[in-house]
């Protein structure tokens, strides 16, 4: 797992490019596309997504998607890119 500042910065870039349209720029689940989704995208700025202990769960949600939601799988991201996204998502919360 990556948790360095460099990983968070790289993850922020990936998030802006791939995730913000649905999850919003701050991960609050309020992206431009959210109004078309049922259920709405998860707020990633709150637990469990921001808890380091849940990093594996977040990694798998990104790579495999979340059944029953609009969260698609992102298997095209490398392991490193996925961990960088996880590092950025963890940084969104104040519960760390």
PDB file of N, CA and C in Angstrom:
ATOM      1  N   UNK A   1       0.841  -1.187   0.000  1.00  0.00           N
ATOM      2  CA  UNK A   1       0.000   0.000   0.000  1.00  0.00           C
ATOM      3  C   UNK A   1       0.880   1.242   0.000  1.00  0.00           C
ATOM      4  N   UNK A   2       0.442   2.254  -0.695  1.00  0.00           N
ATOM      5  CA  UNK A   2       1.170   3.508  -0.788  1.00  0.00           C
ATOM      6  C   UNK A   2       0.492   4.555   0.086  1.00  0.00           C
ATOM      7  N   UNK A   3       1.259   5.326   0.818  1.00  0.00           N
ATOM      8  CA  UNK A   3       0.655   6.378   1.635  1.00  0.00           C
ATOM      9  C   UNK A   3       1.490   7.653   1.655  1.00  0.00           C
ATOM     10  N   UNK A   4       2.468   7.751   0.785  1.00  0.00           N
ATOM     11  CA  UNK A   4       3.338   8.923   0.760  1.00  0.00           C
ATOM     12  C   UNK A   4       2.616  10.124   0.167  1.00  0.00           C
ATOM     13  N   UNK A   5       3.198  11.281   0.371  1.00  0.00           N
ATOM     14  CA  UNK A   5       2.652  12.498  -0.223  1.00  0.00           C
ATOM     15  C   UNK A   5       2.615  12.373  -1.743  1.00  0.00           C
ATOM     16  N   UNK A   6       3.661  11.799  -2.324  1.00  0.00           N
ATOM     17  CA  UNK A   6       3.702  11.626  -3.776  1.00  0.00           C
ATOM     18  C   UNK A   6       2.555  10.733  -4.251  1.00  0.00           C
ATOM     19  N   UNK A   7       2.246   9.690  -3.494  1.00  0.00           N
ATOM     20  CA  UNK A   7       1.140   8.798  -3.860  1.00  0.00           C
ATOM     21  C   UNK A   7      -0.189   9.543  -3.789  1.00  0.00           C
ATOM     22  N   UNK A   8      -0.371  10.358  -2.760  1.00  0.00           N
ATOM     23  CA  UNK A   8      -1.618  11.130  -2.630  1.00  0.00           C
ATOM     24  C   UNK A   8      -1.776  12.147  -3.763  1.00  0.00           C
ATOM     25  N   UNK A   9      -0.682  12.777  -4.152  1.00  0.00           N
ATOM     26  CA  UNK A   9      -0.719  13.746  -5.254  1.00  0.00           C
ATOM     27  C   UNK A   9      -1.054  13.032  -6.565  1.00  0.00           C
ATOM     28  N   UNK A  10      -0.404  11.910  -6.815  1.00  0.00           N
ATOM     29  CA  UNK A  10      -0.702  11.135  -8.023  1.00  0.00           C
ATOM     30  C   UNK A  10      -2.146  10.644  -7.994  1.00  0.00           C
ATOM     31  N   UNK A  11      -2.599  10.207  -6.823  1.00  0.00           N
ATOM     32  CA  UNK A  11      -3.978   9.758  -6.675  1.00  0.00           C
ATOM     33  C   UNK A  11      -4.975  10.879  -6.914  1.00  0.00           C
ATOM     34  N   UNK A  12      -4.645  12.088  -6.495  1.00  0.00           N
ATOM     35  CA  UNK A  12      -5.528  13.238  -6.724  1.00  0.00           C
ATOM     36  C   UNK A  12      -5.689  13.487  -8.222  1.00  0.00           C
ATOM     37  N   UNK A  13      -4.610  13.346  -8.966  1.00  0.00           N
ATOM     38  CA  UNK A  13      -4.691  13.525 -10.426  1.00  0.00           C
ATOM     39  C   UNK A  13      -5.570  12.455 -11.054  1.00  0.00           C
ATOM     40  N   UNK A  14      -5.379  11.222 -10.629  1.00  0.00           N
ATOM     41  CA  UNK A  14      -6.196  10.120 -11.144  1.00  0.00           C
ATOM     42  C   UNK A  14      -7.664  10.315 -10.774  1.00  0.00           C
ATOM     43  N   UNK A  15      -7.905  10.749  -9.543  1.00  0.00           N
ATOM     44  CA  UNK A  15      -9.270  10.972  -9.078  1.00  0.00           C
ATOM     45  C   UNK A  15      -9.948  12.044  -9.929  1.00  0.00           C
ATOM     46  N   UNK A  16      -9.243  13.129 -10.185  1.00  0.00           N
ATOM     47  CA  UNK A  16      -9.809  14.206 -11.009  1.00  0.00           C
ATOM     48  C   UNK A  16     -10.138  13.700 -12.411  1.00  0.00           C
ATOM     49  N   UNK A  17      -9.301  12.838 -12.944  1.00  0.00           N
ATOM     50  CA  UNK A  17      -9.493  12.344 -14.304  1.00  0.00           C
ATOM     51  C   UNK A  17     -10.563  11.262 -14.413  1.00  0.00           C
ATOM     52  N   UNK A  18     -10.694  10.415 -13.403  1.00  0.00           N
ATOM     53  CA  UNK A  18     -11.543   9.234 -13.521  1.00  0.00           C
ATOM     54  C   UNK A  18     -12.732   9.177 -12.568  1.00  0.00           C
ATOM     55  N   UNK A  19     -12.698   9.888 -11.471  1.00  0.00           N
ATOM     56  CA  UNK A  19     -13.685   9.673 -10.404  1.00  0.00           C
ATOM     57  C   UNK A  19     -14.558  10.878 -10.085  1.00  0.00           C
ATOM     58  N   UNK A  20     -14.032  12.068 -10.292  1.00  0.00           N
ATOM     59  CA  UNK A  20     -14.710  13.283  -9.832  1.00  0.00           C
ATOM     60  C   UNK A  20     -16.048  13.532 -10.518  1.00  0.00           C
ATOM     61  N   UNK A  21     -16.217  13.092 -11.761  1.00  0.00           N
ATOM     62  CA  UNK A  21     -17.497  13.311 -12.438  1.00  0.00           C
ATOM     63  C   UNK A  21     -18.659  12.677 -11.671  1.00  0.00           C
ATOM     64  N   UNK A  22     -18.410  11.571 -11.021  1.00  0.00           N
ATOM     65  CA  UNK A  22     -19.456  10.902 -10.242  1.00  0.00           C
ATOM     66  C   UNK A  22     -19.362  11.242  -8.754  1.00  0.00           C
ATOM     67  N   UNK A  23     -18.164  11.138  -8.187  1.00  0.00           N
ATOM     68  CA  UNK A  23     -17.993  11.305  -6.745  1.00  0.00           C
ATOM     69  C   UNK A  23     -17.778  12.754  -6.315  1.00  0.00           C
ATOM     70  N   UNK A  24     -17.601  13.663  -7.265  1.00  0.00           N
ATOM     71  CA  UNK A  24     -17.354  15.061  -6.935  1.00  0.00           C
ATOM     72  C   UNK A  24     -15.881  15.319  -6.699  1.00  0.00           C
ATOM     73  N   UNK A  25     -15.436  16.565  -6.866  1.00  0.00           N
ATOM     74  CA  UNK A  25     -14.012  16.873  -6.729  1.00  0.00           C
ATOM     75  C   UNK A  25     -13.452  16.597  -5.337  1.00  0.00           C
ATOM     76  N   UNK A  26     -14.285  16.703  -4.324  1.00  0.00           N
ATOM     77  CA  UNK A  26     -13.844  16.417  -2.957  1.00  0.00           C
ATOM     78  C   UNK A  26     -14.276  15.052  -2.465  1.00  0.00           C
ATOM     79  N   UNK A  27     -14.833  14.232  -3.376  1.00  0.00           N
ATOM     80  CA  UNK A  27     -15.221  12.873  -3.015  1.00  0.00           C
ATOM     81  C   UNK A  27     -16.528  12.764  -2.255  1.00  0.00           C
ATOM     82  N   UNK A  28     -17.310  13.842  -2.198  1.00  0.00           N
ATOM     83  CA  UNK A  28     -18.531  13.854  -1.398  1.00  0.00           C
ATOM     84  C   UNK A  28     -19.734  13.171  -2.013  1.00  0.00           C
ATOM     85  N   UNK A  29     -19.573  12.543  -3.178  1.00  0.00           N
ATOM     86  CA  UNK A  29     -20.684  11.871  -3.829  1.00  0.00           C
ATOM     87  C   UNK A  29     -21.572  12.814  -4.626  1.00  0.00           C
ATOM     88  N   UNK A  30     -21.075  14.014  -4.850  1.00  0.00           N
ATOM     89  CA  UNK A  30     -21.886  15.066  -5.473  1.00  0.00           C
ATOM     90  C   UNK A  30     -21.343  15.516  -6.829  1.00  0.00           C
ATOM     91  N   UNK A  31     -20.838  14.582  -7.610  1.00  0.00           N
ATOM     92  CA  UNK A  31     -20.324  14.916  -8.930  1.00  0.00           C
ATOM     93  C   UNK A  31     -21.430  15.244  -9.915  1.00  0.00           C
ATOM     94  N   UNK A  32     -21.057  15.762 -11.054  1.00  0.00           N
ATOM     95  CA  UNK A  32     -22.014  16.176 -12.082  1.00  0.00           C
ATOM     96  C   UNK A  32     -22.942  15.040 -12.518  1.00  0.00           C
ATOM     97  N   UNK A  33     -22.455  13.839 -12.558  1.00  0.00           N
ATOM     98  CA  UNK A  33     -23.264  12.704 -13.020  1.00  0.00           C
ATOM     99  C   UNK A  33     -24.120  12.079 -11.923  1.00  0.00           C
ATOM    100  N   UNK A  34     -23.933  12.458 -10.672  1.00  0.00           N
ATOM    101  CA  UNK A  34     -24.613  11.787  -9.567  1.00  0.00           C
ATOM    102  C   UNK A  34     -26.123  11.824  -9.664  1.00  0.00           C
ATOM    103  N   UNK A  35     -26.668  12.868 -10.232  1.00  0.00           N
ATOM    104  CA  UNK A  35     -28.136  12.973 -10.286  1.00  0.00           C
ATOM    105  C   UNK A  35     -28.771  11.930 -11.191  1.00  0.00           C
ATOM    106  N   UNK A  36     -27.978  11.288 -12.031  1.00  0.00           N
ATOM    107  CA  UNK A  36     -28.482  10.257 -12.932  1.00  0.00           C
ATOM    108  C   UNK A  36     -28.277   8.848 -12.379  1.00  0.00           C
ATOM    109  N   UNK A  37     -27.738   8.733 -11.170  1.00  0.00           N
ATOM    110  CA  UNK A  37     -27.375   7.424 -10.633  1.00  0.00           C
ATOM    111  C   UNK A  37     -28.249   7.036  -9.451  1.00  0.00           C
ATOM    112  N   UNK A  38     -28.706   5.790  -9.480  1.00  0.00           N
ATOM    113  CA  UNK A  38     -29.466   5.222  -8.370  1.00  0.00           C
ATOM    114  C   UNK A  38     -28.865   3.855  -8.089  1.00  0.00           C
ATOM    115  N   UNK A  39     -28.302   3.687  -6.903  1.00  0.00           N
ATOM    116  CA  UNK A  39     -28.128   4.680  -5.851  1.00  0.00           C
ATOM    117  C   UNK A  39     -27.059   5.709  -6.229  1.00  0.00           C
ATOM    118  N   UNK A  40     -27.086   6.819  -5.537  1.00  0.00           N
ATOM    119  CA  UNK A  40     -26.102   7.881  -5.765  1.00  0.00           C
ATOM    120  C   UNK A  40     -24.699   7.372  -5.426  1.00  0.00           C
ATOM    121  N   UNK A  41     -23.679   7.957  -6.034  1.00  0.00           N
ATOM    122  CA  UNK A  41     -22.304   7.559  -5.711  1.00  0.00           C
ATOM    123  C   UNK A  41     -22.014   7.753  -4.218  1.00  0.00           C
ATOM    124  N   UNK A  42     -21.185   6.898  -3.699  1.00  0.00           N
ATOM    125  CA  UNK A  42     -20.807   6.975  -2.289  1.00  0.00           C
ATOM    126  C   UNK A  42     -20.017   8.248  -2.008  1.00  0.00           C
ATOM    127  N   UNK A  43     -20.212   8.781  -0.822  1.00  0.00           N
ATOM    128  CA  UNK A  43     -19.325   9.833  -0.341  1.00  0.00           C
ATOM    129  C   UNK A  43     -18.053   9.154   0.127  1.00  0.00           C
ATOM    130  N   UNK A  44     -16.967   9.457  -0.521  1.00  0.00           N
ATOM    131  CA  UNK A  44     -15.684   8.839  -0.178  1.00  0.00           C
ATOM    132  C   UNK A  44     -14.917   9.626   0.867  1.00  0.00           C
ATOM    133  N   UNK A  45     -15.505  10.711   1.334  1.00  0.00           N
ATOM    134  CA  UNK A  45     -14.841  11.571   2.313  1.00  0.00           C
ATOM    135  C   UNK A  45     -15.199  11.192   3.748  1.00  0.00           C
ATOM    136  N   UNK A  46     -15.863  10.063   3.915  1.00  0.00           N
ATOM    137  CA  UNK A  46     -16.274   9.597   5.248  1.00  0.00           C
ATOM    138  C   UNK A  46     -15.906   8.121   5.395  1.00  0.00           C
ATOM    139  N   UNK A  47     -15.847   7.645   6.633  1.00  0.00           N
ATOM    140  CA  UNK A  47     -15.612   6.217   6.833  1.00  0.00           C
ATOM    141  C   UNK A  47     -16.724   5.396   6.183  1.00  0.00           C
ATOM    142  N   UNK A  48     -16.471   4.221   5.733  1.00  0.00           N
ATOM    143  CA  UNK A  48     -15.234   3.467   5.920  1.00  0.00           C
ATOM    144  C   UNK A  48     -14.144   3.778   4.894  1.00  0.00           C
ATOM    145  N   UNK A  49     -14.485   4.546   3.860  1.00  0.00           N
ATOM    146  CA  UNK A  49     -13.534   4.760   2.766  1.00  0.00           C
ATOM    147  C   UNK A  49     -12.265   5.469   3.200  1.00  0.00           C
ATOM    148  N   UNK A  50     -12.324   6.315   4.184  1.00  0.00           N
ATOM    149  CA  UNK A  50     -11.158   7.092   4.602  1.00  0.00           C
ATOM    150  C   UNK A  50     -10.315   6.383   5.659  1.00  0.00           C
ATOM    151  N   UNK A  51     -10.737   5.235   6.107  1.00  0.00           N
ATOM    152  CA  UNK A  51      -9.985   4.503   7.134  1.00  0.00           C
ATOM    153  C   UNK A  51      -8.897   3.651   6.499  1.00  0.00           C
ATOM    154  N   UNK A  52      -7.690   3.837   6.971  1.00  0.00           N
ATOM    155  CA  UNK A  52      -6.561   3.067   6.448  1.00  0.00           C
ATOM    156  C   UNK A  52      -6.796   1.570   6.599  1.00  0.00           C
ATOM    157  N   UNK A  53      -7.462   1.158   7.670  1.00  0.00           N
ATOM    158  CA  UNK A  53      -7.735  -0.262   7.885  1.00  0.00           C
ATOM    159  C   UNK A  53      -8.647  -0.839   6.806  1.00  0.00           C
ATOM    160  N   UNK A  54      -9.348   0.018   6.073  1.00  0.00           N
ATOM    161  CA  UNK A  54     -10.249  -0.423   5.015  1.00  0.00           C
ATOM    162  C   UNK A  54      -9.634  -0.268   3.623  1.00  0.00           C
ATOM    163  N   UNK A  55      -8.337  -0.037   3.558  1.00  0.00           N
ATOM    164  CA  UNK A  55      -7.674   0.215   2.275  1.00  0.00           C
ATOM    165  C   UNK A  55      -7.875  -0.925   1.287  1.00  0.00           C
ATOM    166  N   UNK A  56      -7.818  -2.143   1.755  1.00  0.00           N
ATOM    167  CA  UNK A  56      -8.018  -3.287   0.868  1.00  0.00           C
ATOM    168  C   UNK A  56      -9.415  -3.297   0.268  1.00  0.00           C
ATOM    169  N   UNK A  57     -10.394  -2.948   1.070  1.00  0.00           N
ATOM    170  CA  UNK A  57     -11.779  -2.870   0.587  1.00  0.00           C
ATOM    171  C   UNK A  57     -11.907  -1.795  -0.493  1.00  0.00           C
ATOM    172  N   UNK A  58     -11.288  -0.655  -0.258  1.00  0.00           N
ATOM    173  CA  UNK A  58     -11.338   0.431  -1.233  1.00  0.00           C
ATOM    174  C   UNK A  58     -10.648   0.005  -2.526  1.00  0.00           C
ATOM    175  N   UNK A  59      -9.491  -0.625  -2.400  1.00  0.00           N
ATOM    176  CA  UNK A  59      -8.751  -1.124  -3.567  1.00  0.00           C
ATOM    177  C   UNK A  59      -9.644  -2.043  -4.400  1.00  0.00           C
ATOM    178  N   UNK A  60     -10.293  -3.002  -3.755  1.00  0.00           N
ATOM    179  CA  UNK A  60     -11.146  -3.948  -4.478  1.00  0.00           C
ATOM    180  C   UNK A  60     -12.367  -3.283  -5.083  1.00  0.00           C
ATOM    181  N   UNK A  61     -12.936  -2.296  -4.409  1.00  0.00           N
ATOM    182  CA  UNK A  61     -14.089  -1.581  -4.963  1.00  0.00           C
ATOM    183  C   UNK A  61     -13.697  -0.870  -6.254  1.00  0.00           C
ATOM    184  N   UNK A  62     -12.499  -0.323  -6.285  1.00  0.00           N
ATOM    185  CA  UNK A  62     -12.020   0.351  -7.496  1.00  0.00           C
ATOM    186  C   UNK A  62     -11.766  -0.674  -8.598  1.00  0.00           C
ATOM    187  N   UNK A  63     -11.066  -1.721  -8.285  1.00  0.00           N
ATOM    188  CA  UNK A  63     -10.682  -2.700  -9.307  1.00  0.00           C
ATOM    189  C   UNK A  63     -11.832  -3.565  -9.792  1.00  0.00           C
ATOM    190  N   UNK A  64     -12.755  -3.934  -8.884  1.00  0.00           N
ATOM    191  CA  UNK A  64     -13.836  -4.859  -9.243  1.00  0.00           C
ATOM    192  C   UNK A  64     -15.186  -4.186  -9.438  1.00  0.00           C
ATOM    193  N   UNK A  65     -15.309  -2.926  -9.001  1.00  0.00           N
ATOM    194  CA  UNK A  65     -16.601  -2.266  -9.027  1.00  0.00           C
ATOM    195  C   UNK A  65     -17.420  -2.672  -7.812  1.00  0.00           C
ATOM    196  N   UNK A  66     -18.631  -2.130  -7.710  1.00  0.00           N
ATOM    197  CA  UNK A  66     -19.509  -2.432  -6.584  1.00  0.00           C
ATOM    198  C   UNK A  66     -20.851  -2.906  -7.147  1.00  0.00           C
ATOM    199  N   UNK A  67     -21.162  -4.183  -6.991  1.00  0.00           N
ATOM    200  CA  UNK A  67     -22.414  -4.710  -7.517  1.00  0.00           C
ATOM    201  C   UNK A  67     -23.627  -3.951  -6.969  1.00  0.00           C
ATOM    202  N   UNK A  68     -24.619  -3.775  -7.813  1.00  0.00           N
ATOM    203  CA  UNK A  68     -25.842  -3.098  -7.409  1.00  0.00           C
ATOM    204  C   UNK A  68     -25.750  -1.584  -7.419  1.00  0.00           C
ATOM    205  N   UNK A  69     -24.620  -1.063  -7.909  1.00  0.00           N
ATOM    206  CA  UNK A  69     -24.417   0.384  -8.003  1.00  0.00           C
ATOM    207  C   UNK A  69     -23.878   0.715  -9.389  1.00  0.00           C
ATOM    208  N   UNK A  70     -23.719   1.990  -9.654  1.00  0.00           N
ATOM    209  CA  UNK A  70     -23.124   2.419 -10.926  1.00  0.00           C
ATOM    210  C   UNK A  70     -21.594   2.391 -10.890  1.00  0.00           C
ATOM    211  N   UNK A  71     -21.020   2.003  -9.759  1.00  0.00           N
ATOM    212  CA  UNK A  71     -19.561   1.956  -9.643  1.00  0.00           C
ATOM    213  C   UNK A  71     -19.014   0.817 -10.490  1.00  0.00           C
ATOM    214  N   UNK A  72     -18.443   1.199 -11.620  1.00  0.00           N
ATOM    215  CA  UNK A  72     -17.874   0.227 -12.554  1.00  0.00           C
ATOM    216  C   UNK A  72     -16.498  -0.227 -12.090  1.00  0.00           C
ATOM    217  N   UNK A  73     -16.091  -1.369 -12.578  1.00  0.00           N
ATOM    218  CA  UNK A  73     -14.740  -1.869 -12.317  1.00  0.00           C
ATOM    219  C   UNK A  73     -13.738  -1.060 -13.129  1.00  0.00           C
ATOM    220  N   UNK A  74     -12.560  -0.881 -12.561  1.00  0.00           N
ATOM    221  CA  UNK A  74     -11.464  -0.181 -13.242  1.00  0.00           C
ATOM    222  C   UNK A  74     -10.250  -1.107 -13.349  1.00  0.00           C
ATOM    223  N   UNK A  75     -10.375  -2.217 -14.066  1.00  0.00           N
ATOM    224  CA  UNK A  75      -9.246  -3.149 -14.167  1.00  0.00           C
ATOM    225  C   UNK A  75      -8.100  -2.623 -15.014  1.00  0.00           C
ATOM    226  N   UNK A  76      -8.341  -1.535 -15.755  1.00  0.00           N
ATOM    227  CA  UNK A  76      -7.280  -0.977 -16.595  1.00  0.00           C
ATOM    228  C   UNK A  76      -6.264  -0.174 -15.786  1.00  0.00           C
ATOM    229  N   UNK A  77      -6.613   0.191 -14.572  1.00  0.00           N
ATOM    230  CA  UNK A  77      -5.645   0.878 -13.711  1.00  0.00           C
ATOM    231  C   UNK A  77      -4.635  -0.138 -13.197  1.00  0.00           C
ATOM    232  N   UNK A  78      -3.389   0.263 -13.131  1.00  0.00           N
ATOM    233  CA  UNK A  78      -2.365  -0.622 -12.569  1.00  0.00           C
ATOM    234  C   UNK A  78      -2.561  -0.727 -11.056  1.00  0.00           C
ATOM    235  N   UNK A  79      -1.896  -1.703 -10.459  1.00  0.00           N
ATOM    236  CA  UNK A  79      -1.946  -1.807  -8.994  1.00  0.00           C
ATOM    237  C   UNK A  79      -1.460  -0.511  -8.360  1.00  0.00           C
ATOM    238  N   UNK A  80      -0.365   0.020  -8.884  1.00  0.00           N
ATOM    239  CA  UNK A  80       0.185   1.256  -8.327  1.00  0.00           C
ATOM    240  C   UNK A  80      -0.823   2.397  -8.427  1.00  0.00           C
ATOM    241  N   UNK A  81      -1.444   2.573  -9.584  1.00  0.00           N
ATOM    242  CA  UNK A  81      -2.432   3.645  -9.743  1.00  0.00           C
ATOM    243  C   UNK A  81      -3.617   3.456  -8.788  1.00  0.00           C
ATOM    244  N   UNK A  82      -4.043   2.219  -8.625  1.00  0.00           N
ATOM    245  CA  UNK A  82      -5.161   1.950  -7.722  1.00  0.00           C
ATOM    246  C   UNK A  82      -4.778   2.292  -6.290  1.00  0.00           C
ATOM    247  N   UNK A  83      -3.570   1.919  -5.865  1.00  0.00           N
ATOM    248  CA  UNK A  83      -3.131   2.266  -4.510  1.00  0.00           C
ATOM    249  C   UNK A  83      -2.972   3.779  -4.357  1.00  0.00           C
ATOM    250  N   UNK A  84      -2.561   4.466  -5.419  1.00  0.00           N
ATOM    251  CA  UNK A  84      -2.473   5.927  -5.354  1.00  0.00           C
ATOM    252  C   UNK A  84      -3.864   6.532  -5.153  1.00  0.00           C
ATOM    253  N   UNK A  85      -4.861   6.000  -5.836  1.00  0.00           N
ATOM    254  CA  UNK A  85      -6.240   6.457  -5.607  1.00  0.00           C
ATOM    255  C   UNK A  85      -6.666   6.194  -4.169  1.00  0.00           C
ATOM    256  N   UNK A  86      -6.336   5.025  -3.654  1.00  0.00           N
ATOM    257  CA  UNK A  86      -6.667   4.701  -2.261  1.00  0.00           C
ATOM    258  C   UNK A  86      -6.003   5.702  -1.320  1.00  0.00           C
ATOM    259  N   UNK A  87      -4.741   6.020  -1.560  1.00  0.00           N
ATOM    260  CA  UNK A  87      -4.035   6.989  -0.712  1.00  0.00           C
ATOM    261  C   UNK A  87      -4.726   8.344  -0.745  1.00  0.00           C
ATOM    262  N   UNK A  88      -5.167   8.775  -1.917  1.00  0.00           N
ATOM    263  CA  UNK A  88      -5.874  10.045  -2.013  1.00  0.00           C
ATOM    264  C   UNK A  88      -7.210   9.984  -1.276  1.00  0.00           C
ATOM    265  N   UNK A  89      -7.969   8.933  -1.483  1.00  0.00           N
ATOM    266  CA  UNK A  89      -9.267   8.793  -0.811  1.00  0.00           C
ATOM    267  C   UNK A  89      -9.099   8.810   0.703  1.00  0.00           C
ATOM    268  N   UNK A  90      -8.092   8.102   1.211  1.00  0.00           N
ATOM    269  CA  UNK A  90      -7.822   8.125   2.658  1.00  0.00           C
ATOM    270  C   UNK A  90      -7.561   9.537   3.145  1.00  0.00           C
ATOM    271  N   UNK A  91      -6.930  10.358   2.318  1.00  0.00           N
ATOM    272  CA  UNK A  91      -6.572  11.713   2.732  1.00  0.00           C
ATOM    273  C   UNK A  91      -7.793  12.641   2.792  1.00  0.00           C
ATOM    274  N   UNK A  92      -8.922  12.219   2.239  1.00  0.00           N
ATOM    275  CA  UNK A  92     -10.127  13.065   2.238  1.00  0.00           C
ATOM    276  C   UNK A  92     -10.767  13.162   3.614  1.00  0.00           C
ATOM    277  N   UNK A  93     -10.555  12.170   4.444  1.00  0.00           N
ATOM    278  CA  UNK A  93     -11.221  12.130   5.745  1.00  0.00           C
ATOM    279  C   UNK A  93     -10.419  12.754   6.858  1.00  0.00           C
ATOM    280  N   UNK A  94     -11.122  13.114   7.877  1.00  0.00           N
ATOM    281  CA  UNK A  94     -10.466  13.687   9.059  1.00  0.00           C
ATOM    282  C   UNK A  94     -10.336  12.653  10.165  1.00  0.00           C
ATOM    283  N   UNK A  95     -10.695  11.389   9.885  1.00  0.00           N
ATOM    284  CA  UNK A  95     -10.682  10.346  10.903  1.00  0.00           C
ATOM    285  C   UNK A  95      -9.378   9.567  10.941  1.00  0.00           C
ATOM    286  N   UNK A  96      -8.371  10.001  10.187  1.00  0.00           N
ATOM    287  CA  UNK A  96      -7.125   9.236  10.093  1.00  0.00           C
ATOM    288  C   UNK A  96      -6.294   9.368  11.331  1.00  0.00           C
TER     289      UNK A  96
END
